[in-house]
Amino acid sequence: MTYAVKEIYLTLQGEGNHTGRAAVFMRFAGCNLWSGLERDRADAQCRFCDTDFVGVDGPGGGKFKTADALADAVADAWPKSARSKGKPYVICTGGEPLLQLDKPLIDAFHARGFEVGVETNGTIAAPDGIDWICVSPKADTTLVQTSGHELKLVYPQAEARTDPAHFERLSFQHFYLQPLDVIGDPAQTARHVASAAAYCLAHPLWRLSTQTHKLIGLP
């Protein structure tokens, strides 16, 4: 298959369990919950996305005709210094990465020494072989991927099915609340941070995940 990729870049993971870890972010184009176009946001199943995943015009982006070609592009983004240590790590994100991430690509990453992580909305089952599965459920969707390593819930979402308690029975190793970032309204964002922190204090199964990359100016 041909893989459509918005961007590929080296950064530090800013959220969740791997916060602070160097990783190559490989962002697929496209999503099944929103077109990515502002004119469609009001009618989308996910209305609060703050990511540009439209097209293939970002740094390192493009259309890759084979899994090997895309895996090579990701490997080229990892530090090449002989003194560079640490397991290479690629985070497949989007949009919705499971629209495109498949076993041949996972195998190609592994062949180049990478651990493979995915950040998904959970509406599509993950293929075998992924080393770290992070599911971020969205309201009014059917959660298909109900197990993994990390569940990261954007909070608050108004619908009852996104109450954190609804997910506690699922098979995940870590549970995170991530305060909803309201673009252009820092006061409302601060209220969401306080609300998420209060929930974690009252329900210790949950941990707070903040978007540290935004705080320190990384992409």
C-alpha atoms as a PDB file:
ATOM      1  CA  MET A   1       0.000   0.000   0.000  1.00  0.00           C
ATOM      2  CA  THR A   2       0.975   3.661  -0.298  1.00  0.00           C
ATOM      3  CA  TYR A   3       1.335   5.411   3.071  1.00  0.00           C
ATOM      4  CA  ALA A   4       0.251   9.061   3.320  1.00  0.00           C
ATOM      5  CA  VAL A   5       2.310  10.839   5.980  1.00  0.00           C
ATOM      6  CA  LYS A   6       1.841  14.400   7.145  1.00  0.00           C
ATOM      7  CA  GLU A   7       5.172  14.759   8.929  1.00  0.00           C
ATOM      8  CA  ILE A   8       8.137  12.963  10.472  1.00  0.00           C
ATOM      9  CA  TYR A   9      10.293  14.619  13.118  1.00  0.00           C
ATOM     10  CA  LEU A  10      12.426  13.935  16.185  1.00  0.00           C
ATOM     11  CA  THR A  11      11.143  15.341  19.467  1.00  0.00           C
ATOM     12  CA  LEU A  12      10.482  14.436  23.094  1.00  0.00           C
ATOM     13  CA  GLN A  13       7.247  12.695  23.935  1.00  0.00           C
ATOM     14  CA  GLY A  14       5.241  15.298  25.819  1.00  0.00           C
ATOM     15  CA  GLU A  15       2.374  13.249  27.201  1.00  0.00           C
ATOM     16  CA  GLY A  16       1.560  10.151  29.188  1.00  0.00           C
ATOM     17  CA  ASN A  17       3.804   7.394  30.443  1.00  0.00           C
ATOM     18  CA  HIS A  18       6.764   8.110  28.148  1.00  0.00           C
ATOM     19  CA  THR A  19       6.933  11.855  28.836  1.00  0.00           C
ATOM     20  CA  GLY A  20      10.438  13.138  28.198  1.00  0.00           C
ATOM     21  CA  ARG A  21      11.540  10.201  26.043  1.00  0.00           C
ATOM     22  CA  ALA A  22      13.163  10.940  22.681  1.00  0.00           C
ATOM     23  CA  ALA A  23      11.012   9.658  19.841  1.00  0.00           C
ATOM     24  CA  VAL A  24      10.452  10.018  16.138  1.00  0.00           C
ATOM     25  CA  PHE A  25       6.881  11.202  15.639  1.00  0.00           C
ATOM     26  CA  MET A  26       5.456   9.838  12.409  1.00  0.00           C
ATOM     27  CA  ARG A  27       2.098  11.477  11.777  1.00  0.00           C
ATOM     28  CA  PHE A  28      -0.187   9.797   9.270  1.00  0.00           C
ATOM     29  CA  ALA A  29      -2.560  11.929   7.240  1.00  0.00           C
ATOM     30  CA  GLY A  30      -6.287  11.375   7.691  1.00  0.00           C
ATOM     31  CA  CYS A  31      -8.723  10.497  10.459  1.00  0.00           C
ATOM     32  CA  ASN A  32     -12.031   8.673  10.725  1.00  0.00           C
ATOM     33  CA  LEU A  33     -13.542  11.085  13.278  1.00  0.00           C
ATOM     34  CA  TRP A  34     -12.911  14.441  11.559  1.00  0.00           C
ATOM     35  CA  SER A  35     -11.848  15.572   8.106  1.00  0.00           C
ATOM     36  CA  GLY A  36      -9.360  18.013   9.620  1.00  0.00           C
ATOM     37  CA  LEU A  37     -11.113  20.914   7.878  1.00  0.00           C
ATOM     38  CA  GLU A  38     -12.518  23.695  10.057  1.00  0.00           C
ATOM     39  CA  ARG A  39     -15.729  23.812   8.047  1.00  0.00           C
ATOM     40  CA  ASP A  40     -16.482  20.265   9.234  1.00  0.00           C
ATOM     41  CA  ARG A  41     -15.493  20.627  12.905  1.00  0.00           C
ATOM     42  CA  ALA A  42     -18.973  21.348  14.274  1.00  0.00           C
ATOM     43  CA  ASP A  43     -20.358  18.108  12.813  1.00  0.00           C
ATOM     44  CA  ALA A  44     -17.329  15.927  13.565  1.00  0.00           C
ATOM     45  CA  GLN A  45     -17.290  13.102  16.097  1.00  0.00           C
ATOM     46  CA  CYS A  46     -14.100  14.617  17.556  1.00  0.00           C
ATOM     47  CA  ARG A  47     -14.421  18.394  17.752  1.00  0.00           C
ATOM     48  CA  PHE A  48     -11.492  19.425  19.958  1.00  0.00           C
ATOM     49  CA  CYS A  49      -8.513  18.136  17.951  1.00  0.00           C
ATOM     50  CA  ASP A  50      -5.658  20.660  17.805  1.00  0.00           C
ATOM     51  CA  THR A  51      -3.521  18.790  15.258  1.00  0.00           C
ATOM     52  CA  ASP A  52      -3.011  19.433  11.557  1.00  0.00           C
ATOM     53  CA  PHE A  53      -3.134  16.034   9.863  1.00  0.00           C
ATOM     54  CA  VAL A  54      -4.381  17.135   6.434  1.00  0.00           C
ATOM     55  CA  GLY A  55      -2.173  16.447   3.437  1.00  0.00           C
ATOM     56  CA  VAL A  56       1.451  15.335   3.195  1.00  0.00           C
ATOM     57  CA  ASP A  57       3.181  18.716   3.192  1.00  0.00           C
ATOM     58  CA  GLY A  58       4.760  18.742   6.658  1.00  0.00           C
ATOM     59  CA  PRO A  59       8.477  18.290   7.430  1.00  0.00           C
ATOM     60  CA  GLY A  60       9.499  14.824   6.287  1.00  0.00           C
ATOM     61  CA  GLY A  61       6.001  14.156   4.975  1.00  0.00           C
ATOM     62  CA  GLY A  62       5.039  12.593   1.681  1.00  0.00           C
ATOM     63  CA  LYS A  63       3.602   9.497   0.082  1.00  0.00           C
ATOM     64  CA  PHE A  64       5.654   6.355   0.616  1.00  0.00           C
ATOM     65  CA  LYS A  65       5.071   3.444  -1.748  1.00  0.00           C
ATOM     66  CA  THR A  66       6.499   0.741   0.507  1.00  0.00           C
ATOM     67  CA  ALA A  67       6.874  -0.040   4.184  1.00  0.00           C
ATOM     68  CA  ASP A  68      10.659  -0.123   3.777  1.00  0.00           C
ATOM     69  CA  ALA A  69      10.720   3.362   2.251  1.00  0.00           C
ATOM     70  CA  LEU A  70       8.741   4.818   5.150  1.00  0.00           C
ATOM     71  CA  ALA A  71      10.752   2.932   7.771  1.00  0.00           C
ATOM     72  CA  ASP A  72      13.969   4.249   6.199  1.00  0.00           C
ATOM     73  CA  ALA A  73      12.639   7.820   6.417  1.00  0.00           C
ATOM     74  CA  VAL A  74      11.855   7.318  10.111  1.00  0.00           C
ATOM     75  CA  ALA A  75      15.289   5.765  10.740  1.00  0.00           C
ATOM     76  CA  ASP A  76      16.934   8.756   9.062  1.00  0.00           C
ATOM     77  CA  ALA A  77      15.324  11.029  11.685  1.00  0.00           C
ATOM     78  CA  TRP A  78      16.909   9.164  14.618  1.00  0.00           C
ATOM     79  CA  PRO A  79      20.269  10.504  15.949  1.00  0.00           C
ATOM     80  CA  LYS A  80      23.224   8.906  14.164  1.00  0.00           C
ATOM     81  CA  SER A  81      26.027   9.759  16.585  1.00  0.00           C
ATOM     82  CA  ALA A  82      28.152   6.811  17.607  1.00  0.00           C
ATOM     83  CA  ARG A  83      27.652   7.954  21.194  1.00  0.00           C
ATOM     84  CA  SER A  84      23.879   7.937  20.833  1.00  0.00           C
ATOM     85  CA  LYS A  85      22.399   5.339  23.140  1.00  0.00           C
ATOM     86  CA  GLY A  86      18.857   4.404  24.039  1.00  0.00           C
ATOM     87  CA  LYS A  87      16.370   2.252  22.168  1.00  0.00           C
ATOM     88  CA  PRO A  88      15.077   3.933  18.989  1.00  0.00           C
ATOM     89  CA  TYR A  89      11.403   4.707  19.385  1.00  0.00           C
ATOM     90  CA  VAL A  90       8.804   5.680  16.794  1.00  0.00           C
ATOM     91  CA  ILE A  91       5.352   6.965  17.727  1.00  0.00           C
ATOM     92  CA  CYS A  92       2.760   6.428  15.023  1.00  0.00           C
ATOM     93  CA  THR A  93       0.099   9.066  15.386  1.00  0.00           C
ATOM     94  CA  GLY A  94      -2.317  11.106  13.307  1.00  0.00           C
ATOM     95  CA  GLY A  95      -5.163  11.795  12.689  1.00  0.00           C
ATOM     96  CA  GLU A  96      -5.886   8.125  13.175  1.00  0.00           C
ATOM     97  CA  PRO A  97      -2.799   5.974  12.566  1.00  0.00           C
ATOM     98  CA  LEU A  98      -4.586   2.628  12.481  1.00  0.00           C
ATOM     99  CA  LEU A  99      -6.166   3.582   9.184  1.00  0.00           C
ATOM    100  CA  GLN A 100      -2.717   2.933   7.695  1.00  0.00           C
ATOM    101  CA  LEU A 101      -0.375   1.262  10.189  1.00  0.00           C
ATOM    102  CA  ASP A 102      -0.103  -2.397   9.200  1.00  0.00           C
ATOM    103  CA  LYS A 103       1.998  -5.470   9.968  1.00  0.00           C
ATOM    104  CA  PRO A 104       4.506  -4.923   7.109  1.00  0.00           C
ATOM    105  CA  LEU A 105       5.291  -1.435   8.411  1.00  0.00           C
ATOM    106  CA  ILE A 106       5.562  -2.628  12.006  1.00  0.00           C
ATOM    107  CA  ASP A 107       7.938  -5.365  10.874  1.00  0.00           C
ATOM    108  CA  ALA A 108       9.991  -2.844   8.877  1.00  0.00           C
ATOM    109  CA  PHE A 109      10.360  -0.623  11.966  1.00  0.00           C
ATOM    110  CA  HIS A 110      11.407  -3.592  14.081  1.00  0.00           C
ATOM    111  CA  ALA A 111      13.962  -4.627  11.448  1.00  0.00           C
ATOM    112  CA  ARG A 112      15.606  -1.222  11.944  1.00  0.00           C
ATOM    113  CA  GLY A 113      15.743  -1.630  15.718  1.00  0.00           C
ATOM    114  CA  PHE A 114      12.766   0.541  16.639  1.00  0.00           C
ATOM    115  CA  GLU A 115      10.221   0.079  19.369  1.00  0.00           C
ATOM    116  CA  VAL A 116       6.837   0.928  17.894  1.00  0.00           C
ATOM    117  CA  GLY A 117       4.225   2.960  19.717  1.00  0.00           C
ATOM    118  CA  VAL A 118       0.806   4.047  18.512  1.00  0.00           C
ATOM    119  CA  GLU A 119      -1.579   6.755  19.681  1.00  0.00           C
ATOM    120  CA  THR A 120      -5.071   5.827  18.544  1.00  0.00           C
ATOM    121  CA  ASN A 121      -8.676   6.806  19.212  1.00  0.00           C
ATOM    122  CA  GLY A 122      -9.443   3.121  19.722  1.00  0.00           C
ATOM    123  CA  THR A 123     -12.164   2.760  17.082  1.00  0.00           C
ATOM    124  CA  ILE A 124     -10.029   0.371  14.990  1.00  0.00           C
ATOM    125  CA  ALA A 125      -8.386  -2.821  16.233  1.00  0.00           C
ATOM    126  CA  ALA A 126      -4.597  -2.639  16.441  1.00  0.00           C
ATOM    127  CA  PRO A 127      -2.530  -5.097  14.393  1.00  0.00           C
ATOM    128  CA  ASP A 128      -0.189  -7.489  16.163  1.00  0.00           C
ATOM    129  CA  GLY A 129       3.347  -6.496  17.026  1.00  0.00           C
ATOM    130  CA  ILE A 130       2.926  -2.959  18.398  1.00  0.00           C
ATOM    131  CA  ASP A 131       5.116  -2.464  21.470  1.00  0.00           C
ATOM    132  CA  TRP A 132       3.125   0.345  23.116  1.00  0.00           C
ATOM    133  CA  ILE A 133      -0.576   0.994  22.555  1.00  0.00           C
ATOM    134  CA  CYS A 134      -2.023   4.270  23.826  1.00  0.00           C
ATOM    135  CA  VAL A 135      -5.777   4.640  23.392  1.00  0.00           C
ATOM    136  CA  SER A 136      -7.462   8.049  23.701  1.00  0.00           C
ATOM    137  CA  PRO A 137     -11.245   7.490  23.636  1.00  0.00           C
ATOM    138  CA  LYS A 138     -13.551  10.086  22.129  1.00  0.00           C
ATOM    139  CA  ALA A 139     -17.201  10.715  22.987  1.00  0.00           C
ATOM    140  CA  ASP A 140     -19.945   9.166  20.860  1.00  0.00           C
ATOM    141  CA  THR A 141     -17.648   6.544  19.365  1.00  0.00           C
ATOM    142  CA  THR A 142     -17.503   2.772  19.752  1.00  0.00           C
ATOM    143  CA  LEU A 143     -14.315   1.660  21.450  1.00  0.00           C
ATOM    144  CA  VAL A 144     -12.948  -1.406  19.635  1.00  0.00           C
ATOM    145  CA  GLN A 145      -9.410  -1.490  21.070  1.00  0.00           C
ATOM    146  CA  THR A 146     -10.218  -2.191  24.722  1.00  0.00           C
ATOM    147  CA  SER A 147      -6.781  -3.296  25.886  1.00  0.00           C
ATOM    148  CA  GLY A 148      -3.290  -1.905  25.718  1.00  0.00           C
ATOM    149  CA  HIS A 149      -0.591  -0.256  27.758  1.00  0.00           C
ATOM    150  CA  GLU A 150      -2.003   3.219  28.323  1.00  0.00           C
ATOM    151  CA  LEU A 151      -5.457   4.771  28.277  1.00  0.00           C
ATOM    152  CA  LYS A 152      -5.251   8.552  27.990  1.00  0.00           C
ATOM    153  CA  LEU A 153      -8.593  10.281  28.326  1.00  0.00           C
ATOM    154  CA  VAL A 154      -8.983  13.926  27.361  1.00  0.00           C
ATOM    155  CA  TYR A 155     -10.931  15.478  30.242  1.00  0.00           C
ATOM    156  CA  PRO A 156     -13.562  16.708  30.595  1.00  0.00           C
ATOM    157  CA  GLN A 157     -15.807  15.494  27.834  1.00  0.00           C
ATOM    158  CA  ALA A 158     -19.478  16.079  28.491  1.00  0.00           C
ATOM    159  CA  GLU A 159     -20.946  12.747  27.423  1.00  0.00           C
ATOM    160  CA  ALA A 160     -21.570  10.123  30.097  1.00  0.00           C
ATOM    161  CA  ARG A 161     -19.673   7.457  28.153  1.00  0.00           C
ATOM    162  CA  THR A 162     -16.469   9.412  28.639  1.00  0.00           C
ATOM    163  CA  ASP A 163     -16.757   9.529  32.429  1.00  0.00           C
ATOM    164  CA  PRO A 164     -13.415   8.107  33.611  1.00  0.00           C
ATOM    165  CA  ALA A 165     -15.138   5.430  35.690  1.00  0.00           C
ATOM    166  CA  HIS A 166     -16.513   3.928  32.480  1.00  0.00           C
ATOM    167  CA  PHE A 167     -13.004   2.844  31.422  1.00  0.00           C
ATOM    168  CA  GLU A 168     -11.601   1.483  34.674  1.00  0.00           C
ATOM    169  CA  ARG A 169     -12.687  -2.077  33.936  1.00  0.00           C
ATOM    170  CA  LEU A 170     -10.704  -2.193  30.696  1.00  0.00           C
ATOM    171  CA  SER A 171      -7.377  -3.993  30.348  1.00  0.00           C
ATOM    172  CA  PHE A 172      -4.783  -1.199  30.433  1.00  0.00           C
ATOM    173  CA  GLN A 173      -1.645  -0.890  32.536  1.00  0.00           C
ATOM    174  CA  HIS A 174      -1.844   2.893  33.029  1.00  0.00           C
ATOM    175  CA  PHE A 175      -4.733   5.363  33.187  1.00  0.00           C
ATOM    176  CA  TYR A 176      -4.196   9.056  32.459  1.00  0.00           C
ATOM    177  CA  LEU A 177      -6.402  12.122  32.416  1.00  0.00           C
ATOM    178  CA  GLN A 178      -5.261  14.840  30.052  1.00  0.00           C
ATOM    179  CA  PRO A 179      -6.892  18.251  30.572  1.00  0.00           C
ATOM    180  CA  LEU A 180      -8.768  19.498  27.528  1.00  0.00           C
ATOM    181  CA  ASP A 181      -6.784  22.348  25.986  1.00  0.00           C
ATOM    182  CA  VAL A 182      -9.203  25.046  24.826  1.00  0.00           C
ATOM    183  CA  ILE A 183      -7.421  26.907  22.047  1.00  0.00           C
ATOM    184  CA  GLY A 184      -7.541  30.655  22.628  1.00  0.00           C
ATOM    185  CA  ASP A 185      -9.015  30.356  26.133  1.00  0.00           C
ATOM    186  CA  PRO A 186      -6.226  29.811  28.682  1.00  0.00           C
ATOM    187  CA  ALA A 187      -8.569  30.488  31.605  1.00  0.00           C
ATOM    188  CA  GLN A 188     -10.848  27.624  30.566  1.00  0.00           C
ATOM    189  CA  THR A 189      -7.845  25.394  29.996  1.00  0.00           C
ATOM    190  CA  ALA A 190      -6.642  26.198  33.523  1.00  0.00           C
ATOM    191  CA  ARG A 191     -10.038  25.191  34.903  1.00  0.00           C
ATOM    192  CA  HIS A 192      -9.778  21.878  33.076  1.00  0.00           C
ATOM    193  CA  VAL A 193      -6.302  21.301  34.532  1.00  0.00           C
ATOM    194  CA  ALA A 194      -7.626  21.948  38.044  1.00  0.00           C
ATOM    195  CA  SER A 195     -10.610  19.668  37.457  1.00  0.00           C
ATOM    196  CA  ALA A 196      -8.455  16.818  36.124  1.00  0.00           C
ATOM    197  CA  ALA A 197      -5.992  17.190  38.996  1.00  0.00           C
ATOM    198  CA  ALA A 198      -8.824  17.076  41.522  1.00  0.00           C
ATOM    199  CA  TYR A 199     -10.204  13.935  39.922  1.00  0.00           C
ATOM    200  CA  CYS A 200      -6.816  12.205  40.080  1.00  0.00           C
ATOM    201  CA  LEU A 201      -6.456  13.144  43.745  1.00  0.00           C
ATOM    202  CA  ALA A 202      -9.852  11.614  44.504  1.00  0.00           C
ATOM    203  CA  HIS A 203      -9.343   8.562  42.238  1.00  0.00           C
ATOM    204  CA  PRO A 204      -5.686   7.449  42.527  1.00  0.00           C
ATOM    205  CA  LEU A 205      -5.935   4.887  39.719  1.00  0.00           C
ATOM    206  CA  TRP A 206      -5.695   7.889  37.406  1.00  0.00           C
ATOM    207  CA  ARG A 207      -2.595  10.003  36.768  1.00  0.00           C
ATOM    208  CA  LEU A 208      -2.440  13.507  35.368  1.00  0.00           C
ATOM    209  CA  SER A 209      -0.950  13.928  31.899  1.00  0.00           C
ATOM    210  CA  THR A 210      -0.089  17.453  30.812  1.00  0.00           C
ATOM    211  CA  GLN A 211       1.132  18.496  27.367  1.00  0.00           C
ATOM    212  CA  THR A 212       4.663  19.289  28.449  1.00  0.00           C
ATOM    213  CA  HIS A 213       5.896  19.772  24.879  1.00  0.00           C
ATOM    214  CA  LYS A 214       3.668  22.844  24.627  1.00  0.00           C
ATOM    215  CA  LEU A 215       5.093  24.208  27.880  1.00  0.00           C
ATOM    216  CA  ILE A 216       8.691  23.962  26.647  1.00  0.00           C
ATOM    217  CA  GLY A 217       8.080  24.925  23.031  1.00  0.00           C
ATOM    218  CA  LEU A 218       8.578  21.583  21.252  1.00  0.00           C
ATOM    219  CA  PRO A 219       6.353  20.393  18.384  1.00  0.00           C
END
